[in-house]
């Protein structure tokens, strides 16, 4: 995503500050002494000068934000190139953090379900692994006690304890492996979901550009004072 910003000296008395995006139709916000909302391409009021924070949002494209300086007594032209969101970018995000790719593509509810589900399965697998390790250590300790037994009564008693500890360790290992498999499967599904079910957005580069002058006829522009 790139932004081309230029200040063009003008010989005419009238000066303009314009903001354009490629593709057009992005929702713009300017935040500074005043707060301005508009749709690109647009012309900014002549009395707006100084430092402003510019943000541009368009469905299917990555948001842009940056600081701009609107200089007085000259033309200011701000041109933004918005980068399209892609399936690959979404899947790579989900590979790093479950649900991030869905959130990136605008599917917030799906992101929460998949993200919390995958993370929950991962936490469950981690806790199950900790439980298995504890039961396995208990089993090893029981085997050591059995090996050190001297009397038949002690051997018989410790044998039953060792068998019980072995069953508990085996069951804990089975639970750990099951939950780990579920967590890995959900993580893989989360990546494939971000890749396959990436929402398609219609290309809008062919839309006509609407000049947004502050002459009282541009109803889609909002200007408020910031305090």
C-alpha atoms as a PDB file:
ATOM      1  CA  UNK A   1       0.000   0.000   0.000  1.00  0.00           C
ATOM      2  CA  UNK A   2       1.498   3.310  -1.073  1.00  0.00           C
ATOM      3  CA  UNK A   3       0.572   6.937  -0.744  1.00  0.00           C
ATOM      4  CA  UNK A   4       1.649   9.670  -3.104  1.00  0.00           C
ATOM      5  CA  UNK A   5       1.445  13.098  -1.493  1.00  0.00           C
ATOM      6  CA  UNK A   6       2.299  16.293  -3.300  1.00  0.00           C
ATOM      7  CA  UNK A   7       1.909  20.004  -2.818  1.00  0.00           C
ATOM      8  CA  UNK A   8       1.500  21.806  -6.135  1.00  0.00           C
ATOM      9  CA  UNK A   9       1.946  25.588  -6.268  1.00  0.00           C
ATOM     10  CA  UNK A  10      -0.891  27.207  -8.154  1.00  0.00           C
ATOM     11  CA  UNK A  11      -0.899  30.469 -10.065  1.00  0.00           C
ATOM     12  CA  UNK A  12      -4.663  30.897  -9.822  1.00  0.00           C
ATOM     13  CA  UNK A  13      -6.213  32.513  -6.805  1.00  0.00           C
ATOM     14  CA  UNK A  14      -8.362  29.491  -5.948  1.00  0.00           C
ATOM     15  CA  UNK A  15      -6.545  26.634  -4.268  1.00  0.00           C
ATOM     16  CA  UNK A  16      -7.779  23.092  -3.761  1.00  0.00           C
ATOM     17  CA  UNK A  17      -6.982  20.219  -1.427  1.00  0.00           C
ATOM     18  CA  UNK A  18      -8.097  16.907  -2.901  1.00  0.00           C
ATOM     19  CA  UNK A  19      -7.903  13.321  -1.694  1.00  0.00           C
ATOM     20  CA  UNK A  20      -8.099  10.433  -4.139  1.00  0.00           C
ATOM     21  CA  UNK A  21      -7.781   6.677  -3.721  1.00  0.00           C
ATOM     22  CA  UNK A  22      -7.143   3.813  -6.083  1.00  0.00           C
ATOM     23  CA  UNK A  23      -9.659   2.252  -6.278  1.00  0.00           C
ATOM     24  CA  UNK A  24     -12.127   5.081  -5.563  1.00  0.00           C
ATOM     25  CA  UNK A  25     -15.069   4.883  -3.184  1.00  0.00           C
ATOM     26  CA  UNK A  26     -13.092   4.527   0.046  1.00  0.00           C
ATOM     27  CA  UNK A  27     -14.493   5.950   3.273  1.00  0.00           C
ATOM     28  CA  UNK A  28     -12.160   8.711   4.450  1.00  0.00           C
ATOM     29  CA  UNK A  29     -11.732  10.323   7.845  1.00  0.00           C
ATOM     30  CA  UNK A  30      -9.570  13.344   8.633  1.00  0.00           C
ATOM     31  CA  UNK A  31      -8.869  13.981  12.305  1.00  0.00           C
ATOM     32  CA  UNK A  32      -7.223  17.178  13.498  1.00  0.00           C
ATOM     33  CA  UNK A  33      -8.611  20.597  14.374  1.00  0.00           C
ATOM     34  CA  UNK A  34     -11.772  19.364  12.656  1.00  0.00           C
ATOM     35  CA  UNK A  35     -13.091  15.889  12.021  1.00  0.00           C
ATOM     36  CA  UNK A  36     -14.106  15.228   8.444  1.00  0.00           C
ATOM     37  CA  UNK A  37     -15.805  12.192   6.909  1.00  0.00           C
ATOM     38  CA  UNK A  38     -16.018  11.783   3.149  1.00  0.00           C
ATOM     39  CA  UNK A  39     -15.925   9.319   0.274  1.00  0.00           C
ATOM     40  CA  UNK A  40     -13.032   9.378  -2.170  1.00  0.00           C
ATOM     41  CA  UNK A  41     -12.383  11.198  -4.385  1.00  0.00           C
ATOM     42  CA  UNK A  42     -13.233  14.395  -2.544  1.00  0.00           C
ATOM     43  CA  UNK A  43     -12.262  18.020  -2.122  1.00  0.00           C
ATOM     44  CA  UNK A  44     -11.459  19.221   1.386  1.00  0.00           C
ATOM     45  CA  UNK A  45     -12.859  22.594   2.560  1.00  0.00           C
ATOM     46  CA  UNK A  46     -10.563  25.529   1.850  1.00  0.00           C
ATOM     47  CA  UNK A  47     -10.294  26.466   5.531  1.00  0.00           C
ATOM     48  CA  UNK A  48      -8.849  23.055   6.480  1.00  0.00           C
ATOM     49  CA  UNK A  49      -5.082  23.445   6.923  1.00  0.00           C
ATOM     50  CA  UNK A  50      -2.391  22.028   9.174  1.00  0.00           C
ATOM     51  CA  UNK A  51      -1.621  18.532  10.438  1.00  0.00           C
ATOM     52  CA  UNK A  52      -4.300  15.862  10.115  1.00  0.00           C
ATOM     53  CA  UNK A  53      -4.544  12.117  10.592  1.00  0.00           C
ATOM     54  CA  UNK A  54      -5.951  10.560   7.419  1.00  0.00           C
ATOM     55  CA  UNK A  55      -7.591   7.125   7.377  1.00  0.00           C
ATOM     56  CA  UNK A  56      -9.046   5.271   4.394  1.00  0.00           C
ATOM     57  CA  UNK A  57     -11.215   2.142   4.538  1.00  0.00           C
ATOM     58  CA  UNK A  58     -12.728   0.118   1.708  1.00  0.00           C
ATOM     59  CA  UNK A  59     -14.265  -3.388   1.931  1.00  0.00           C
ATOM     60  CA  UNK A  60     -11.906  -5.948   0.425  1.00  0.00           C
ATOM     61  CA  UNK A  61      -8.863  -3.706   0.825  1.00  0.00           C
ATOM     62  CA  UNK A  62      -6.408  -3.102   3.628  1.00  0.00           C
ATOM     63  CA  UNK A  63      -6.991   0.069   5.599  1.00  0.00           C
ATOM     64  CA  UNK A  64      -4.579   2.973   5.228  1.00  0.00           C
ATOM     65  CA  UNK A  65      -3.688   5.540   7.859  1.00  0.00           C
ATOM     66  CA  UNK A  66      -1.045   8.226   8.107  1.00  0.00           C
ATOM     67  CA  UNK A  67      -0.312  11.830   9.005  1.00  0.00           C
ATOM     68  CA  UNK A  68      -0.621  14.515   6.322  1.00  0.00           C
ATOM     69  CA  UNK A  69       0.187  18.222   6.248  1.00  0.00           C
ATOM     70  CA  UNK A  70      -2.245  20.489   4.387  1.00  0.00           C
ATOM     71  CA  UNK A  71      -0.373  23.650   3.416  1.00  0.00           C
ATOM     72  CA  UNK A  72      -2.160  26.985   2.953  1.00  0.00           C
ATOM     73  CA  UNK A  73      -2.229  29.080  -0.238  1.00  0.00           C
ATOM     74  CA  UNK A  74      -1.433  26.221  -2.608  1.00  0.00           C
ATOM     75  CA  UNK A  75      -2.935  23.089  -4.103  1.00  0.00           C
ATOM     76  CA  UNK A  76      -2.536  19.899  -2.052  1.00  0.00           C
ATOM     77  CA  UNK A  77      -3.117  16.552  -3.752  1.00  0.00           C
ATOM     78  CA  UNK A  78      -3.141  13.319  -1.738  1.00  0.00           C
ATOM     79  CA  UNK A  79      -3.326  10.040  -3.680  1.00  0.00           C
ATOM     80  CA  UNK A  80      -3.550   6.678  -1.909  1.00  0.00           C
ATOM     81  CA  UNK A  81      -3.084   3.227  -3.448  1.00  0.00           C
ATOM     82  CA  UNK A  82      -5.028   0.674  -1.393  1.00  0.00           C
ATOM     83  CA  UNK A  83      -3.738  -2.908  -1.322  1.00  0.00           C
ATOM     84  CA  UNK A  84      -6.372  -5.624  -1.852  1.00  0.00           C
ATOM     85  CA  UNK A  85      -6.864  -8.268   0.806  1.00  0.00           C
ATOM     86  CA  UNK A  86      -6.060 -11.773  -0.476  1.00  0.00           C
ATOM     87  CA  UNK A  87      -6.693 -15.402   0.448  1.00  0.00           C
ATOM     88  CA  UNK A  88      -2.989 -15.988   0.953  1.00  0.00           C
ATOM     89  CA  UNK A  89      -2.667 -13.118   3.419  1.00  0.00           C
ATOM     90  CA  UNK A  90      -5.707 -14.402   5.322  1.00  0.00           C
ATOM     91  CA  UNK A  91      -4.442 -18.000   5.513  1.00  0.00           C
ATOM     92  CA  UNK A  92      -0.976 -16.907   6.654  1.00  0.00           C
ATOM     93  CA  UNK A  93      -2.543 -14.876   9.452  1.00  0.00           C
ATOM     94  CA  UNK A  94      -4.632 -17.853  10.556  1.00  0.00           C
ATOM     95  CA  UNK A  95      -1.509 -20.012  10.495  1.00  0.00           C
ATOM     96  CA  UNK A  96       0.052 -17.687  13.073  1.00  0.00           C
ATOM     97  CA  UNK A  97      -3.027 -16.999  15.235  1.00  0.00           C
ATOM     98  CA  UNK A  98      -6.255 -19.037  14.878  1.00  0.00           C
ATOM     99  CA  UNK A  99      -9.112 -16.833  13.677  1.00  0.00           C
ATOM    100  CA  UNK A 100      -6.878 -13.933  12.668  1.00  0.00           C
ATOM    101  CA  UNK A 101      -7.372 -14.613   8.963  1.00  0.00           C
ATOM    102  CA  UNK A 102     -11.150 -14.626   9.355  1.00  0.00           C
ATOM    103  CA  UNK A 103     -11.003 -11.348  11.277  1.00  0.00           C
ATOM    104  CA  UNK A 104      -8.735  -9.881   8.594  1.00  0.00           C
ATOM    105  CA  UNK A 105     -11.282 -10.761   5.903  1.00  0.00           C
ATOM    106  CA  UNK A 106     -14.136  -9.158   7.862  1.00  0.00           C
ATOM    107  CA  UNK A 107     -15.742 -12.354   9.260  1.00  0.00           C
ATOM    108  CA  UNK A 108     -15.636 -11.338  12.909  1.00  0.00           C
ATOM    109  CA  UNK A 109     -18.176 -13.844  14.274  1.00  0.00           C
ATOM    110  CA  UNK A 110     -16.508 -16.706  12.423  1.00  0.00           C
ATOM    111  CA  UNK A 111     -13.165 -15.457  13.721  1.00  0.00           C
ATOM    112  CA  UNK A 112     -14.310 -15.623  17.347  1.00  0.00           C
ATOM    113  CA  UNK A 113     -15.819 -19.107  16.989  1.00  0.00           C
ATOM    114  CA  UNK A 114     -12.832 -20.623  15.210  1.00  0.00           C
ATOM    115  CA  UNK A 115     -10.257 -18.715  17.236  1.00  0.00           C
ATOM    116  CA  UNK A 116     -11.625 -19.533  20.688  1.00  0.00           C
ATOM    117  CA  UNK A 117     -12.445 -23.110  19.624  1.00  0.00           C
ATOM    118  CA  UNK A 118      -8.912 -23.788  18.408  1.00  0.00           C
ATOM    119  CA  UNK A 119      -7.251 -22.063  21.348  1.00  0.00           C
ATOM    120  CA  UNK A 120      -9.559 -23.898  23.760  1.00  0.00           C
ATOM    121  CA  UNK A 121      -8.628 -27.243  22.205  1.00  0.00           C
ATOM    122  CA  UNK A 122      -4.953 -26.312  22.466  1.00  0.00           C
ATOM    123  CA  UNK A 123      -5.295 -25.412  26.142  1.00  0.00           C
ATOM    124  CA  UNK A 124      -7.152 -28.667  26.766  1.00  0.00           C
ATOM    125  CA  UNK A 125      -4.365 -30.635  25.069  1.00  0.00           C
ATOM    126  CA  UNK A 126      -1.751 -28.822  27.162  1.00  0.00           C
ATOM    127  CA  UNK A 127      -3.563 -29.580  30.428  1.00  0.00           C
ATOM    128  CA  UNK A 128      -4.070 -33.200  29.369  1.00  0.00           C
ATOM    129  CA  UNK A 129      -0.356 -33.502  28.602  1.00  0.00           C
ATOM    130  CA  UNK A 130       0.522 -32.158  32.046  1.00  0.00           C
ATOM    131  CA  UNK A 131      -1.842 -34.676  33.630  1.00  0.00           C
ATOM    132  CA  UNK A 132      -0.320 -37.511  31.589  1.00  0.00           C
ATOM    133  CA  UNK A 133       3.217 -36.577  32.616  1.00  0.00           C
ATOM    134  CA  UNK A 134       2.226 -36.561  36.284  1.00  0.00           C
ATOM    135  CA  UNK A 135       0.523 -39.974  36.046  1.00  0.00           C
ATOM    136  CA  UNK A 136       3.464 -41.376  34.078  1.00  0.00           C
ATOM    137  CA  UNK A 137       5.861 -40.225  36.808  1.00  0.00           C
ATOM    138  CA  UNK A 138       3.594 -41.821  39.422  1.00  0.00           C
ATOM    139  CA  UNK A 139       3.752 -45.072  37.449  1.00  0.00           C
ATOM    140  CA  UNK A 140       7.558 -44.954  37.263  1.00  0.00           C
ATOM    141  CA  UNK A 141       7.738 -44.310  41.009  1.00  0.00           C
ATOM    142  CA  UNK A 142       5.446 -47.290  41.627  1.00  0.00           C
ATOM    143  CA  UNK A 143       7.727 -49.504  39.495  1.00  0.00           C
ATOM    144  CA  UNK A 144      10.736 -48.424  41.544  1.00  0.00           C
ATOM    145  CA  UNK A 145       8.897 -49.202  44.783  1.00  0.00           C
ATOM    146  CA  UNK A 146       7.934 -52.609  43.381  1.00  0.00           C
ATOM    147  CA  UNK A 147      11.533 -53.374  42.409  1.00  0.00           C
ATOM    148  CA  UNK A 148      12.682 -52.560  45.944  1.00  0.00           C
ATOM    149  CA  UNK A 149      10.009 -54.690  47.644  1.00  0.00           C
ATOM    150  CA  UNK A 150      11.291 -57.599  49.767  1.00  0.00           C
ATOM    151  CA  UNK A 151       8.343 -59.506  51.210  1.00  0.00           C
ATOM    152  CA  UNK A 152       5.657 -61.337  49.242  1.00  0.00           C
ATOM    153  CA  UNK A 153       2.951 -59.261  50.899  1.00  0.00           C
ATOM    154  CA  UNK A 154       4.702 -56.032  49.923  1.00  0.00           C
ATOM    155  CA  UNK A 155       5.308 -57.279  46.378  1.00  0.00           C
ATOM    156  CA  UNK A 156       1.635 -58.247  45.967  1.00  0.00           C
ATOM    157  CA  UNK A 157       0.413 -54.905  47.277  1.00  0.00           C
ATOM    158  CA  UNK A 158       2.823 -52.844  45.167  1.00  0.00           C
ATOM    159  CA  UNK A 159       2.046 -54.931  42.082  1.00  0.00           C
ATOM    160  CA  UNK A 160      -1.612 -53.936  42.254  1.00  0.00           C
ATOM    161  CA  UNK A 161      -0.636 -50.307  42.794  1.00  0.00           C
ATOM    162  CA  UNK A 162       1.717 -50.429  39.800  1.00  0.00           C
ATOM    163  CA  UNK A 163      -0.986 -51.925  37.572  1.00  0.00           C
ATOM    164  CA  UNK A 164      -3.421 -49.203  38.643  1.00  0.00           C
ATOM    165  CA  UNK A 165      -0.864 -46.456  37.986  1.00  0.00           C
ATOM    166  CA  UNK A 166      -0.139 -47.974  34.583  1.00  0.00           C
ATOM    167  CA  UNK A 167      -3.847 -47.912  33.635  1.00  0.00           C
ATOM    168  CA  UNK A 168      -4.171 -44.310  34.793  1.00  0.00           C
ATOM    169  CA  UNK A 169      -1.102 -43.262  32.782  1.00  0.00           C
ATOM    170  CA  UNK A 170      -2.405 -45.089  29.696  1.00  0.00           C
ATOM    171  CA  UNK A 171      -5.833 -43.434  29.951  1.00  0.00           C
ATOM    172  CA  UNK A 172      -4.221 -40.023  30.452  1.00  0.00           C
ATOM    173  CA  UNK A 173      -2.015 -40.573  27.394  1.00  0.00           C
ATOM    174  CA  UNK A 174      -5.038 -41.530  25.290  1.00  0.00           C
ATOM    175  CA  UNK A 175      -6.881 -38.392  26.395  1.00  0.00           C
ATOM    176  CA  UNK A 176      -3.806 -36.260  25.680  1.00  0.00           C
ATOM    177  CA  UNK A 177      -3.388 -37.697  22.181  1.00  0.00           C
ATOM    178  CA  UNK A 178      -7.088 -37.261  21.394  1.00  0.00           C
ATOM    179  CA  UNK A 179      -7.174 -33.621  22.454  1.00  0.00           C
ATOM    180  CA  UNK A 180      -3.881 -32.911  20.675  1.00  0.00           C
ATOM    181  CA  UNK A 181      -5.323 -34.401  17.480  1.00  0.00           C
ATOM    182  CA  UNK A 182      -8.441 -32.257  17.820  1.00  0.00           C
ATOM    183  CA  UNK A 183      -6.336 -29.128  18.379  1.00  0.00           C
ATOM    184  CA  UNK A 184      -4.129 -29.838  15.350  1.00  0.00           C
ATOM    185  CA  UNK A 185      -7.186 -30.618  13.225  1.00  0.00           C
ATOM    186  CA  UNK A 186      -8.932 -27.407  14.243  1.00  0.00           C
ATOM    187  CA  UNK A 187      -5.773 -25.387  13.567  1.00  0.00           C
ATOM    188  CA  UNK A 188      -5.508 -26.909  10.092  1.00  0.00           C
ATOM    189  CA  UNK A 189      -9.214 -26.294   9.448  1.00  0.00           C
ATOM    190  CA  UNK A 190      -8.792 -22.709  10.612  1.00  0.00           C
ATOM    191  CA  UNK A 191      -6.103 -22.154   7.947  1.00  0.00           C
ATOM    192  CA  UNK A 192      -8.098 -23.891   5.196  1.00  0.00           C
ATOM    193  CA  UNK A 193     -11.241 -21.995   6.179  1.00  0.00           C
ATOM    194  CA  UNK A 194      -9.445 -18.670   5.802  1.00  0.00           C
ATOM    195  CA  UNK A 195      -8.150 -19.781   2.400  1.00  0.00           C
ATOM    196  CA  UNK A 196     -11.255 -21.431   0.920  1.00  0.00           C
ATOM    197  CA  UNK A 197     -14.047 -19.306   2.373  1.00  0.00           C
ATOM    198  CA  UNK A 198     -12.365 -15.963   1.797  1.00  0.00           C
ATOM    199  CA  UNK A 199     -15.178 -13.523   0.893  1.00  0.00           C
ATOM    200  CA  UNK A 200     -15.128 -12.175  -2.626  1.00  0.00           C
ATOM    201  CA  UNK A 201     -15.568  -8.438  -3.112  1.00  0.00           C
ATOM    202  CA  UNK A 202     -16.664  -6.890  -6.360  1.00  0.00           C
ATOM    203  CA  UNK A 203     -14.056  -4.780  -8.060  1.00  0.00           C
ATOM    204  CA  UNK A 204     -15.074  -1.151  -7.919  1.00  0.00           C
ATOM    205  CA  UNK A 205     -12.269   0.413  -9.937  1.00  0.00           C
ATOM    206  CA  UNK A 206     -14.732   1.134 -12.705  1.00  0.00           C
ATOM    207  CA  UNK A 207     -17.072   3.219 -10.565  1.00  0.00           C
ATOM    208  CA  UNK A 208     -17.412   6.857 -11.624  1.00  0.00           C
ATOM    209  CA  UNK A 209     -15.560   9.362  -9.465  1.00  0.00           C
ATOM    210  CA  UNK A 210     -17.758  11.821  -7.623  1.00  0.00           C
ATOM    211  CA  UNK A 211     -16.299  15.245  -6.906  1.00  0.00           C
ATOM    212  CA  UNK A 212     -17.096  16.199  -3.324  1.00  0.00           C
ATOM    213  CA  UNK A 213     -16.990  19.988  -3.106  1.00  0.00           C
ATOM    214  CA  UNK A 214     -18.167  21.782   0.005  1.00  0.00           C
ATOM    215  CA  UNK A 215     -20.720  23.909  -1.838  1.00  0.00           C
ATOM    216  CA  UNK A 216     -23.780  22.774   0.095  1.00  0.00           C
ATOM    217  CA  UNK A 217     -24.693  20.066  -2.401  1.00  0.00           C
ATOM    218  CA  UNK A 218     -22.398  17.273  -1.172  1.00  0.00           C
ATOM    219  CA  UNK A 219     -24.595  15.531   1.372  1.00  0.00           C
ATOM    220  CA  UNK A 220     -22.229  12.579   1.857  1.00  0.00           C
ATOM    221  CA  UNK A 221     -19.568  14.653   3.625  1.00  0.00           C
ATOM    222  CA  UNK A 222     -19.635  15.331   7.334  1.00  0.00           C
ATOM    223  CA  UNK A 223     -17.610  18.060   9.037  1.00  0.00           C
ATOM    224  CA  UNK A 224     -17.445  18.459  12.818  1.00  0.00           C
ATOM    225  CA  UNK A 225     -15.235  20.487  15.136  1.00  0.00           C
ATOM    226  CA  UNK A 226     -12.859  18.545  17.381  1.00  0.00           C
ATOM    227  CA  UNK A 227     -12.412  19.703  20.969  1.00  0.00           C
END
